[in-house]
Every structure is written in C-alpha cells, then in structure tokens.
Amino acid sequence: MTFARNLSLLLLVLCSTNALASSPYESLQFGKYKQQITADLKKTCHPQKKMSDEAWGNKILANEDNKLLIRDARIALERNNEKNYWDAISKVECPEM
C-alpha cells in the first residue's frame, strides 16, 4: 500500500513539474507574438497620437472583427504561415485617433 502511494505521489510531482516547466516558455512565446503583431499593426495603421502599446492595442481590440483577425494572425504566426499572417494583419481596421 505505501509503495503504491509513494509511486502515485512521485508521478504527481513529476507531472506537475513538467507543467510548470513549460509555462514560462509559453508566456514568453505569447509575448513574442504580441510584440510582433503590435509592431506590424503600427506599421500599417500609423497611429498619430503617442500612447502606450497596451492602450493602443485595447483600442484596436474594441472592434470584434479585429479580435478575430488578430487571433487569425497569431495562429498564422504559430504555424509559420506568413501569407495568412499578412492577410489577417492587412484586414485589421485601424482605430480613429
């Protein structure tokens, strides 16, 4: 009984360690995609006002269609599909400044 219990605990610890180990990488990858999408959107939209990336991004994401297009752009980045990425970026509606 104690052997089975110890084995179960060991497996639980090993599985949770793997989940924790991949978590920082995933957040770094998300940050990388967010930076690239923001930079490319600024190239196409040319914001006139000086505002933070966060505020500018929220202004773009206020449009429901833009949310879907940015999601499509992120998926295209994950799949290294440059054509679909630029197709999605080019369709994003730039906010009024």
N, C-alpha and C. Protein backbone atom coordinates (compact mmCIF):
# COMPACT_ATOMS: atom_id res chain seq x y z
N MET A 1 0.82 -1.20 0.00
CA MET A 1 0.00 0.00 0.00
C MET A 1 0.86 1.26 0.00
N THR A 2 1.89 1.31 0.84
CA THR A 2 2.73 2.50 0.88
C THR A 2 3.53 2.65 -0.39
N PHE A 3 3.92 1.54 -1.01
CA PHE A 3 4.66 1.62 -2.27
C PHE A 3 3.80 2.26 -3.35
N ALA A 4 2.57 1.82 -3.45
CA ALA A 4 1.64 2.37 -4.45
C ALA A 4 1.38 3.84 -4.17
N ARG A 5 1.24 4.19 -2.91
CA ARG A 5 1.01 5.59 -2.54
C ARG A 5 2.21 6.45 -2.89
N ASN A 6 3.40 5.97 -2.57
CA ASN A 6 4.62 6.72 -2.89
C ASN A 6 4.81 6.87 -4.40
N LEU A 7 4.52 5.81 -5.13
CA LEU A 7 4.62 5.86 -6.58
C LEU A 7 3.64 6.88 -7.16
N SER A 8 2.43 6.90 -6.62
CA SER A 8 1.42 7.87 -7.08
C SER A 8 1.87 9.30 -6.80
N LEU A 9 2.42 9.53 -5.62
CA LEU A 9 2.91 10.86 -5.27
C LEU A 9 4.07 11.28 -6.17
N LEU A 10 4.97 10.36 -6.45
CA LEU A 10 6.10 10.65 -7.32
C LEU A 10 5.62 11.03 -8.72
N LEU A 11 4.68 10.27 -9.25
CA LEU A 11 4.13 10.57 -10.58
C LEU A 11 3.44 11.93 -10.60
N LEU A 12 2.72 12.23 -9.53
CA LEU A 12 2.04 13.51 -9.44
C LEU A 12 3.04 14.66 -9.44
N VAL A 13 4.12 14.51 -8.67
CA VAL A 13 5.15 15.56 -8.61
C VAL A 13 5.84 15.73 -9.95
N LEU A 14 6.16 14.62 -10.62
CA LEU A 14 6.82 14.70 -11.92
C LEU A 14 5.93 15.36 -12.96
N CYS A 15 4.66 15.02 -12.96
CA CYS A 15 3.73 15.62 -13.92
C CYS A 15 3.56 17.12 -13.67
N SER A 16 3.47 17.52 -12.41
CA SER A 16 3.30 18.94 -12.12
C SER A 16 4.56 19.71 -12.45
N THR A 17 5.73 19.10 -12.33
CA THR A 17 6.98 19.76 -12.68
C THR A 17 7.03 20.03 -14.18
N ASN A 18 6.59 19.09 -14.98
CA ASN A 18 6.56 19.30 -16.43
C ASN A 18 5.61 20.43 -16.79
N ALA A 19 4.47 20.50 -16.15
CA ALA A 19 3.52 21.57 -16.44
C ALA A 19 4.10 22.92 -16.07
N LEU A 20 4.78 23.00 -14.97
CA LEU A 20 5.38 24.26 -14.55
C LEU A 20 6.54 24.64 -15.45
N ALA A 21 7.30 23.67 -15.92
CA ALA A 21 8.46 23.96 -16.74
C ALA A 21 8.06 24.54 -18.09
N SER A 22 6.95 24.08 -18.68
CA SER A 22 6.56 24.59 -19.99
C SER A 22 5.85 25.94 -19.88
N SER A 23 5.34 26.29 -18.76
CA SER A 23 4.58 27.51 -18.58
C SER A 23 5.37 28.79 -18.89
N PRO A 24 6.58 28.98 -18.36
CA PRO A 24 7.32 30.21 -18.68
C PRO A 24 7.62 30.34 -20.17
N TYR A 25 7.95 29.24 -20.83
CA TYR A 25 8.23 29.29 -22.26
C TYR A 25 7.00 29.75 -23.02
N GLU A 26 5.84 29.21 -22.64
CA GLU A 26 4.62 29.58 -23.34
C GLU A 26 4.31 31.07 -23.17
N SER A 27 4.54 31.59 -21.98
CA SER A 27 4.27 33.01 -21.79
C SER A 27 5.27 33.87 -22.56
N LEU A 28 6.51 33.42 -22.66
CA LEU A 28 7.49 34.14 -23.47
C LEU A 28 7.11 34.13 -24.94
N GLN A 29 6.63 32.98 -25.41
CA GLN A 29 6.22 32.86 -26.81
C GLN A 29 5.03 33.78 -27.08
N PHE A 30 4.08 33.81 -26.16
CA PHE A 30 2.92 34.70 -26.31
C PHE A 30 3.38 36.16 -26.38
N GLY A 31 4.32 36.53 -25.51
CA GLY A 31 4.85 37.89 -25.50
C GLY A 31 5.52 38.24 -26.81
N LYS A 32 6.24 37.27 -27.37
CA LYS A 32 6.92 37.49 -28.65
C LYS A 32 5.90 37.73 -29.76
N TYR A 33 4.85 36.92 -29.79
CA TYR A 33 3.80 37.09 -30.80
C TYR A 33 3.11 38.44 -30.63
N LYS A 34 2.82 38.80 -29.40
CA LYS A 34 2.14 40.07 -29.11
C LYS A 34 2.99 41.25 -29.59
N GLN A 35 4.29 41.21 -29.32
CA GLN A 35 5.18 42.28 -29.76
C GLN A 35 5.22 42.39 -31.27
N GLN A 36 5.32 41.24 -31.94
CA GLN A 36 5.41 41.26 -33.40
C GLN A 36 4.12 41.78 -34.01
N ILE A 37 2.98 41.31 -33.52
CA ILE A 37 1.70 41.76 -34.07
C ILE A 37 1.52 43.26 -33.83
N THR A 38 1.87 43.72 -32.63
CA THR A 38 1.75 45.15 -32.32
C THR A 38 2.63 45.98 -33.24
N ALA A 39 3.88 45.56 -33.42
CA ALA A 39 4.80 46.31 -34.28
C ALA A 39 4.31 46.34 -35.72
N ASP A 40 3.81 45.22 -36.22
CA ASP A 40 3.34 45.18 -37.60
C ASP A 40 2.05 45.97 -37.78
N LEU A 41 1.18 45.97 -36.77
CA LEU A 41 -0.03 46.79 -36.86
C LEU A 41 0.31 48.27 -36.84
N LYS A 42 1.32 48.65 -36.08
CA LYS A 42 1.72 50.06 -36.06
C LYS A 42 2.28 50.48 -37.42
N LYS A 43 2.90 49.55 -38.13
CA LYS A 43 3.42 49.87 -39.46
C LYS A 43 2.27 50.10 -40.44
N THR A 44 1.18 49.37 -40.27
CA THR A 44 0.07 49.50 -41.22
C THR A 44 -0.93 50.58 -40.81
N CYS A 45 -1.08 50.82 -39.51
CA CYS A 45 -2.08 51.80 -39.06
C CYS A 45 -1.51 53.20 -38.83
N HIS A 46 -0.25 53.33 -38.59
CA HIS A 46 0.40 54.62 -38.34
C HIS A 46 -0.33 55.47 -37.30
N PRO A 47 -0.32 55.04 -36.04
CA PRO A 47 -1.01 55.84 -35.01
C PRO A 47 -0.38 57.23 -34.88
N GLN A 48 -1.23 58.26 -34.83
CA GLN A 48 -0.74 59.63 -34.76
C GLN A 48 -0.41 60.04 -33.33
N LYS A 49 -1.26 59.64 -32.40
CA LYS A 49 -1.07 60.03 -31.01
C LYS A 49 -0.04 59.12 -30.35
N LYS A 50 0.71 59.70 -29.42
CA LYS A 50 1.66 58.92 -28.65
C LYS A 50 0.90 58.27 -27.50
N MET A 51 0.76 56.95 -27.54
CA MET A 51 0.10 56.22 -26.45
C MET A 51 0.81 54.90 -26.25
N SER A 52 0.59 54.30 -25.11
CA SER A 52 1.26 53.05 -24.80
C SER A 52 0.75 51.94 -25.73
N ASP A 53 1.58 50.92 -25.91
CA ASP A 53 1.17 49.78 -26.73
C ASP A 53 -0.09 49.13 -26.18
N GLU A 54 -0.18 49.08 -24.86
CA GLU A 54 -1.34 48.46 -24.21
C GLU A 54 -2.62 49.24 -24.53
N ALA A 55 -2.58 50.55 -24.40
CA ALA A 55 -3.75 51.38 -24.68
C ALA A 55 -4.12 51.31 -26.16
N TRP A 56 -3.11 51.35 -27.01
CA TRP A 56 -3.34 51.29 -28.45
C TRP A 56 -3.93 49.93 -28.84
N GLY A 57 -3.38 48.86 -28.25
CA GLY A 57 -3.90 47.53 -28.52
C GLY A 57 -5.35 47.38 -28.07
N ASN A 58 -5.68 47.94 -26.92
CA ASN A 58 -7.06 47.88 -26.43
C ASN A 58 -8.01 48.61 -27.36
N LYS A 59 -7.53 49.71 -27.94
CA LYS A 59 -8.36 50.47 -28.88
C LYS A 59 -8.65 49.63 -30.14
N ILE A 60 -7.65 48.92 -30.61
CA ILE A 60 -7.85 48.05 -31.78
C ILE A 60 -8.78 46.89 -31.43
N LEU A 61 -8.58 46.31 -30.24
CA LEU A 61 -9.36 45.14 -29.84
C LEU A 61 -10.80 45.48 -29.45
N ALA A 62 -11.15 46.75 -29.42
CA ALA A 62 -12.53 47.15 -29.13
C ALA A 62 -13.46 46.71 -30.26
N ASN A 63 -12.91 46.50 -31.45
CA ASN A 63 -13.67 46.06 -32.62
C ASN A 63 -13.68 44.53 -32.63
N GLU A 64 -14.87 43.93 -32.66
CA GLU A 64 -14.99 42.46 -32.61
C GLU A 64 -14.34 41.79 -33.83
N ASP A 65 -14.46 42.39 -35.00
CA ASP A 65 -13.84 41.82 -36.20
C ASP A 65 -12.32 41.80 -36.06
N ASN A 66 -11.78 42.88 -35.47
CA ASN A 66 -10.33 42.94 -35.26
C ASN A 66 -9.85 41.84 -34.33
N LYS A 67 -10.65 41.52 -33.31
CA LYS A 67 -10.27 40.45 -32.39
C LYS A 67 -10.07 39.14 -33.14
N LEU A 68 -11.00 38.83 -34.04
CA LEU A 68 -10.90 37.60 -34.81
C LEU A 68 -9.70 37.63 -35.76
N LEU A 69 -9.47 38.78 -36.39
CA LEU A 69 -8.34 38.90 -37.32
C LEU A 69 -7.01 38.78 -36.59
N ILE A 70 -6.91 39.35 -35.40
CA ILE A 70 -5.67 39.27 -34.64
C ILE A 70 -5.46 37.85 -34.14
N ARG A 71 -6.55 37.17 -33.80
CA ARG A 71 -6.45 35.76 -33.42
C ARG A 71 -5.94 34.95 -34.61
N ASP A 72 -6.47 35.22 -35.80
CA ASP A 72 -6.02 34.53 -37.00
C ASP A 72 -4.54 34.82 -37.27
N ALA A 73 -4.12 36.05 -37.04
CA ALA A 73 -2.71 36.41 -37.25
C ALA A 73 -1.81 35.65 -36.28
N ARG A 74 -2.24 35.53 -35.02
CA ARG A 74 -1.44 34.80 -34.03
C ARG A 74 -1.32 33.33 -34.41
N ILE A 75 -2.42 32.74 -34.85
CA ILE A 75 -2.39 31.33 -35.26
C ILE A 75 -1.46 31.15 -36.46
N ALA A 76 -1.52 32.09 -37.40
CA ALA A 76 -0.64 32.01 -38.57
C ALA A 76 0.83 32.12 -38.15
N LEU A 77 1.12 32.97 -37.17
CA LEU A 77 2.49 33.07 -36.65
C LEU A 77 2.94 31.75 -36.04
N GLU A 78 2.06 31.15 -35.25
CA GLU A 78 2.38 29.87 -34.62
C GLU A 78 2.69 28.80 -35.66
N ARG A 79 2.03 28.88 -36.79
CA ARG A 79 2.19 27.88 -37.85
C ARG A 79 3.20 28.30 -38.91
N ASN A 80 3.87 29.44 -38.68
CA ASN A 80 4.85 29.97 -39.64
C ASN A 80 4.24 30.17 -41.03
N ASN A 81 3.03 30.66 -41.07
CA ASN A 81 2.34 30.89 -42.33
C ASN A 81 2.30 32.40 -42.58
N GLU A 82 3.32 32.89 -43.25
CA GLU A 82 3.48 34.33 -43.45
C GLU A 82 2.37 34.94 -44.30
N LYS A 83 1.91 34.22 -45.31
CA LYS A 83 0.85 34.74 -46.17
C LYS A 83 -0.43 34.98 -45.38
N ASN A 84 -0.87 34.00 -44.61
CA ASN A 84 -2.08 34.16 -43.81
C ASN A 84 -1.90 35.23 -42.74
N TYR A 85 -0.69 35.33 -42.20
CA TYR A 85 -0.41 36.35 -41.19
C TYR A 85 -0.64 37.74 -41.77
N TRP A 86 0.00 38.02 -42.91
CA TRP A 86 -0.14 39.35 -43.51
C TRP A 86 -1.54 39.61 -44.05
N ASP A 87 -2.23 38.55 -44.49
CA ASP A 87 -3.63 38.71 -44.91
C ASP A 87 -4.47 39.20 -43.73
N ALA A 88 -4.28 38.58 -42.57
CA ALA A 88 -5.06 38.96 -41.39
C ALA A 88 -4.68 40.38 -40.92
N ILE A 89 -3.39 40.67 -40.87
CA ILE A 89 -2.93 41.99 -40.44
C ILE A 89 -3.47 43.09 -41.35
N SER A 90 -3.46 42.83 -42.65
CA SER A 90 -3.92 43.86 -43.60
C SER A 90 -5.41 44.14 -43.51
N LYS A 91 -6.19 43.20 -42.96
CA LYS A 91 -7.64 43.38 -42.85
C LYS A 91 -8.06 44.05 -41.54
N VAL A 92 -7.12 44.23 -40.61
CA VAL A 92 -7.48 44.86 -39.34
C VAL A 92 -7.86 46.31 -39.60
N GLU A 93 -8.98 46.71 -39.04
CA GLU A 93 -9.46 48.10 -39.20
C GLU A 93 -8.76 48.99 -38.18
N CYS A 94 -8.04 49.96 -38.67
CA CYS A 94 -7.30 50.87 -37.79
C CYS A 94 -8.27 51.77 -37.05
N PRO A 95 -8.04 51.99 -35.75
CA PRO A 95 -8.95 52.83 -34.97
C PRO A 95 -8.75 54.32 -35.30
N GLU A 96 -9.82 55.07 -35.08
CA GLU A 96 -9.75 56.53 -35.24
C GLU A 96 -8.92 57.09 -34.11
N MET A 97 -8.04 58.01 -34.43
CA MET A 97 -7.17 58.62 -33.41
C MET A 97 -7.53 60.07 -33.22
